[in-house]
Amino acid sequence: MARKPRSLLWTPSACYHVLNRGHARERIFHDDADREYFLSLLSRYRDRFGLAIFHYCLMDNHFHLLTQLPDARRLSALLAGMLVSYWHHYRRRYQLVGHLFQGRSKTPAVEVECYLLSCGRYIERNPLEAGLVESPWDYRWSSCRAYAYGEPNPLLASNPYYQELSSDPKRRQELWREFLRGEDLKEAAVRESDWIVGASSFQRQMAQIGGRPQPRRRGRLPEPGAEGLGNK
């Protein structure tokens, strides 16, 4: 079945789990210089578009982002510009001819109240699941150390649902490490969905309007560009 137009996908205040892979699952990051350049692009496009980044992980042949935009309809333009810029970097460095990415990014909408933390957990556990590290926070190229140990990361927006875990930063970090090490009943829904991540009521609401609805939230998500995790 054909995909729906992008104009139906973007809805204000929703969060989106962005995923893209290398063409034919080939590597898109060969060394730290590639990863650093991609993160510099992410920072540049964050500032240009007002993007809030809650979680991320760069693997060898794919990447994950958990994001929010003030005008979510602009996410398509943001991703197109950022990935083309990275393609030019890769082409110059490795003499690439042809495609680098498998296609346009997957961007399932995430029901913020019930699934934001579970989606962040799934993203940060990728290196562990791949057998690259013994603990998720041992991996340098993700947001994990900001949540697990309070390591400053200016790329990230403050996550109110993480903040609600505890008023004490050390206890909050401990709870996040326990969450990463333990089981999560919502993991299958996060892992398998390429359209929407949320409860059945959220999915029915989406189906009724033919697009992606604004999820219910406790409090306000931070304004994009708010103070990063670990900087408080």
Protein backbone atom coordinates (compact mmCIF):
# COMPACT_ATOMS: atom_id res chain seq x y z
CA MET A 1 0.00 0.00 0.00
CA ALA A 2 1.32 3.45 -0.91
CA ARG A 3 2.49 5.69 1.87
CA LYS A 4 0.33 8.64 2.86
CA PRO A 5 1.52 12.10 1.82
CA ARG A 6 3.86 13.87 4.21
CA SER A 7 1.22 16.59 4.72
CA LEU A 8 -0.92 14.07 6.63
CA LEU A 9 1.90 12.88 8.85
CA TRP A 10 3.06 15.97 10.69
CA THR A 11 1.02 17.27 13.61
CA PRO A 12 1.98 20.06 16.04
CA SER A 13 3.34 18.99 19.44
CA ALA A 14 3.76 15.32 18.56
CA CYS A 15 7.14 13.67 18.98
CA TYR A 16 8.68 11.61 16.21
CA HIS A 17 11.06 8.64 16.23
CA VAL A 18 13.27 9.25 13.21
CA LEU A 19 15.16 6.28 11.77
CA ASN A 20 17.18 5.86 8.61
CA ARG A 21 19.64 3.23 7.41
CA GLY A 22 22.40 2.99 4.89
CA HIS A 23 21.49 1.80 1.39
CA ALA A 24 21.54 -2.02 1.39
CA ARG A 25 22.34 -1.71 5.12
CA GLU A 26 25.85 -0.48 4.31
CA ARG A 27 27.77 1.68 6.79
CA ILE A 28 27.01 5.38 6.92
CA PHE A 29 29.51 6.11 9.71
CA HIS A 30 33.04 4.74 9.36
CA ASP A 31 34.82 6.57 12.17
CA ASP A 32 34.46 9.24 14.84
CA ALA A 33 34.99 12.03 12.31
CA ASP A 34 31.86 10.94 10.44
CA ARG A 35 29.83 10.78 13.64
CA GLU A 36 31.09 14.15 14.83
CA TYR A 37 30.21 15.71 11.49
CA PHE A 38 26.69 14.24 11.62
CA LEU A 39 26.17 15.59 15.14
CA SER A 40 27.40 19.01 14.02
CA LEU A 41 24.80 18.93 11.23
CA LEU A 42 22.16 17.89 13.73
CA SER A 43 23.08 20.85 15.94
CA ARG A 44 23.00 23.24 12.98
CA TYR A 45 19.57 22.06 11.79
CA ARG A 46 18.26 22.02 15.36
CA ASP A 47 19.05 25.73 15.62
CA ARG A 48 17.75 26.53 12.16
CA PHE A 49 14.39 24.77 12.59
CA GLY A 50 13.84 25.00 16.35
CA LEU A 51 14.16 21.23 16.75
CA ALA A 52 14.03 19.65 20.21
CA ILE A 53 16.09 16.46 20.51
CA PHE A 54 15.28 14.17 23.44
CA HIS A 55 17.23 11.01 22.56
CA TYR A 56 19.58 9.88 19.80
CA CYS A 57 21.93 7.05 18.84
CA LEU A 58 24.36 6.74 15.93
CA MET A 59 25.11 3.15 14.92
CA ASP A 60 27.44 2.11 12.10
CA ASN A 61 24.73 1.69 9.47
CA HIS A 62 21.76 3.61 10.89
CA PHE A 63 20.70 6.33 13.30
CA HIS A 64 17.80 7.07 15.65
CA LEU A 65 16.43 10.44 16.80
CA LEU A 66 13.51 11.23 19.10
CA THR A 67 12.44 14.75 18.26
CA GLN A 68 9.81 17.48 18.38
CA LEU A 69 9.28 20.58 16.24
CA PRO A 70 7.16 23.70 16.85
CA ASP A 71 5.84 23.24 13.30
CA ALA A 72 6.05 19.50 12.73
CA ARG A 73 5.26 19.89 9.02
CA ARG A 74 8.84 21.17 8.61
CA LEU A 75 10.38 17.89 9.76
CA SER A 76 10.39 16.58 6.20
CA ALA A 77 12.38 19.59 4.94
CA LEU A 78 14.74 19.40 7.91
CA LEU A 79 15.56 15.74 7.32
CA ALA A 80 15.96 16.20 3.57
CA GLY A 81 18.39 19.08 4.03
CA MET A 82 20.40 17.42 6.78
CA LEU A 83 20.76 14.08 4.98
CA VAL A 84 21.73 15.70 1.70
CA SER A 85 24.39 17.70 3.57
CA TYR A 86 25.73 14.50 5.10
CA TRP A 87 25.64 12.79 1.69
CA HIS A 88 27.91 15.54 0.32
CA HIS A 89 30.34 15.01 3.22
CA TYR A 90 30.33 11.24 2.60
CA ARG A 91 30.69 11.63 -1.18
CA ARG A 92 33.71 13.92 -0.80
CA ARG A 93 35.39 11.68 1.77
CA TYR A 94 34.72 8.26 0.24
CA GLN A 95 34.11 9.06 -3.47
CA LEU A 96 30.59 7.72 -3.23
CA VAL A 97 28.57 7.44 -6.42
CA GLY A 98 24.86 6.81 -5.91
CA HIS A 99 22.66 6.49 -2.86
CA LEU A 100 23.86 6.59 0.73
CA PHE A 101 20.54 6.13 2.56
CA GLN A 102 17.93 3.46 1.93
CA GLY A 103 15.20 6.01 1.25
CA ARG A 104 13.22 8.57 3.13
CA SER A 105 13.31 8.32 6.90
CA LYS A 106 10.80 6.39 8.97
CA THR A 107 9.11 8.81 11.35
CA PRO A 108 6.47 7.12 13.53
CA ALA A 109 4.57 9.51 15.79
CA VAL A 110 5.06 8.85 19.50
CA GLU A 111 2.31 9.27 22.10
CA VAL A 112 4.23 11.48 24.50
CA GLU A 113 2.61 10.71 27.84
CA CYS A 114 2.79 6.92 27.66
CA TYR A 115 5.63 6.14 25.26
CA LEU A 116 8.25 8.90 25.20
CA LEU A 117 10.50 7.29 27.81
CA SER A 118 10.02 3.80 26.38
CA CYS A 119 11.06 5.05 22.95
CA GLY A 120 14.11 6.75 24.48
CA ARG A 121 15.00 3.50 26.22
CA TYR A 122 14.74 1.54 22.97
CA ILE A 123 16.98 4.03 21.17
CA GLU A 124 19.67 4.03 23.84
CA ARG A 125 19.71 0.23 24.14
CA ASN A 126 20.67 -0.22 20.46
CA PRO A 127 24.42 -0.60 21.10
CA LEU A 128 23.69 -3.13 23.86
CA GLU A 129 21.38 -5.15 21.62
CA ALA A 130 24.06 -5.12 18.92
CA GLY A 131 26.64 -6.53 21.34
CA LEU A 132 28.90 -3.48 21.12
CA VAL A 133 28.93 -2.67 24.84
CA GLU A 134 28.18 -4.28 28.18
CA SER A 135 26.02 -1.34 29.31
CA PRO A 136 24.19 1.26 27.19
CA TRP A 137 26.03 4.16 28.88
CA ASP A 138 29.37 2.76 27.73
CA TYR A 139 28.52 3.82 24.17
CA ARG A 140 29.80 7.28 23.30
CA TRP A 141 27.56 8.09 20.36
CA SER A 142 24.16 8.30 22.04
CA SER A 143 22.27 10.46 24.50
CA CYS A 144 22.51 7.78 27.19
CA ARG A 145 25.18 9.25 29.44
CA ALA A 146 23.19 12.46 29.85
CA TYR A 147 20.28 10.48 31.30
CA ALA A 148 22.23 7.74 33.09
CA TYR A 149 24.95 9.91 34.69
CA GLY A 150 24.00 13.55 34.13
CA GLU A 151 26.82 14.13 31.65
CA PRO A 152 26.31 17.55 30.00
CA ASN A 153 25.02 17.29 26.45
CA PRO A 154 24.04 20.66 24.92
CA LEU A 155 22.48 18.92 21.92
CA LEU A 156 19.57 17.66 24.04
CA ALA A 157 16.40 19.39 25.19
CA SER A 158 15.25 18.84 28.76
CA ASN A 159 12.82 15.91 28.98
CA PRO A 160 9.98 16.61 31.47
CA TYR A 161 8.96 12.96 31.74
CA TYR A 162 12.50 12.02 32.71
CA GLN A 163 12.55 14.88 35.22
CA GLU A 164 9.40 13.47 36.83
CA LEU A 165 11.15 10.23 37.73
CA SER A 166 12.58 11.93 40.84
CA SER A 167 13.34 15.39 42.16
CA ASP A 168 16.83 14.18 43.08
CA PRO A 169 19.19 14.08 40.06
CA LYS A 170 21.24 11.13 41.34
CA ARG A 171 18.12 9.08 42.04
CA ARG A 172 16.72 10.02 38.63
CA GLN A 173 19.89 8.80 36.94
CA GLU A 174 19.80 5.59 38.95
CA LEU A 175 16.19 4.96 37.94
CA TRP A 176 17.08 5.51 34.29
CA ARG A 177 19.92 2.98 34.51
CA GLU A 178 17.53 0.48 36.09
CA PHE A 179 15.00 1.13 33.32
CA LEU A 180 17.65 0.49 30.67
CA ARG A 181 18.80 -2.73 32.32
CA GLY A 182 15.30 -4.08 33.03
CA GLU A 183 12.33 -5.19 30.96
CA ASP A 184 9.80 -2.84 29.36
CA LEU A 185 6.39 -4.18 28.36
CA LYS A 186 6.10 -1.42 25.76
CA GLU A 187 9.29 -2.37 23.93
CA ALA A 188 7.55 -4.54 21.33
CA ALA A 189 5.21 -1.71 20.35
CA VAL A 190 8.13 0.70 19.99
CA ARG A 191 10.23 -1.79 18.04
CA GLU A 192 7.56 -2.94 15.60
CA SER A 193 5.69 0.24 14.71
CA ASP A 194 6.62 2.29 11.66
CA TRP A 195 3.50 4.49 11.74
CA ILE A 196 2.50 5.31 15.30
CA VAL A 197 3.66 4.38 18.79
CA GLY A 198 0.82 4.66 21.28
CA ALA A 199 -2.12 3.15 23.08
CA SER A 200 -5.14 1.83 21.18
CA SER A 201 -7.15 4.96 22.02
CA PHE A 202 -4.39 7.10 20.50
CA GLN A 203 -4.34 4.95 17.37
CA ARG A 204 -8.13 5.18 17.02
CA GLN A 205 -7.94 8.96 17.35
CA MET A 206 -5.37 9.05 14.57
CA ALA A 207 -7.50 6.83 12.33
CA GLN A 208 -10.53 9.09 12.81
CA ILE A 209 -8.75 12.17 11.50
CA GLY A 210 -6.68 10.36 8.86
CA GLY A 211 -3.38 11.70 10.12
CA ARG A 212 -1.38 12.00 13.30
CA PRO A 213 -3.18 13.71 16.18
CA GLN A 214 -1.80 15.80 18.97
CA PRO A 215 -1.17 13.51 21.95
CA ARG A 216 -2.35 14.19 25.47
CA ARG A 217 0.42 15.50 27.68
CA ARG A 218 1.12 16.14 31.35
CA GLY A 219 2.39 19.68 31.45
CA ARG A 220 4.23 21.26 28.57
CA LEU A 221 7.11 19.83 26.67
CA PRO A 222 10.04 22.23 26.76
CA GLU A 223 10.50 24.84 24.11
CA PRO A 224 13.06 23.71 21.51
CA GLY A 225 16.47 25.00 22.47
CA ALA A 226 15.77 24.73 26.19
CA GLU A 227 18.56 23.85 28.56
CA GLY A 228 20.13 20.52 27.76
CA LEU A 229 20.22 17.49 30.03
CA GLY A 230 22.98 17.46 32.60
CA ASN A 231 23.41 21.22 32.48
CA LYS A 232 21.22 21.99 35.47
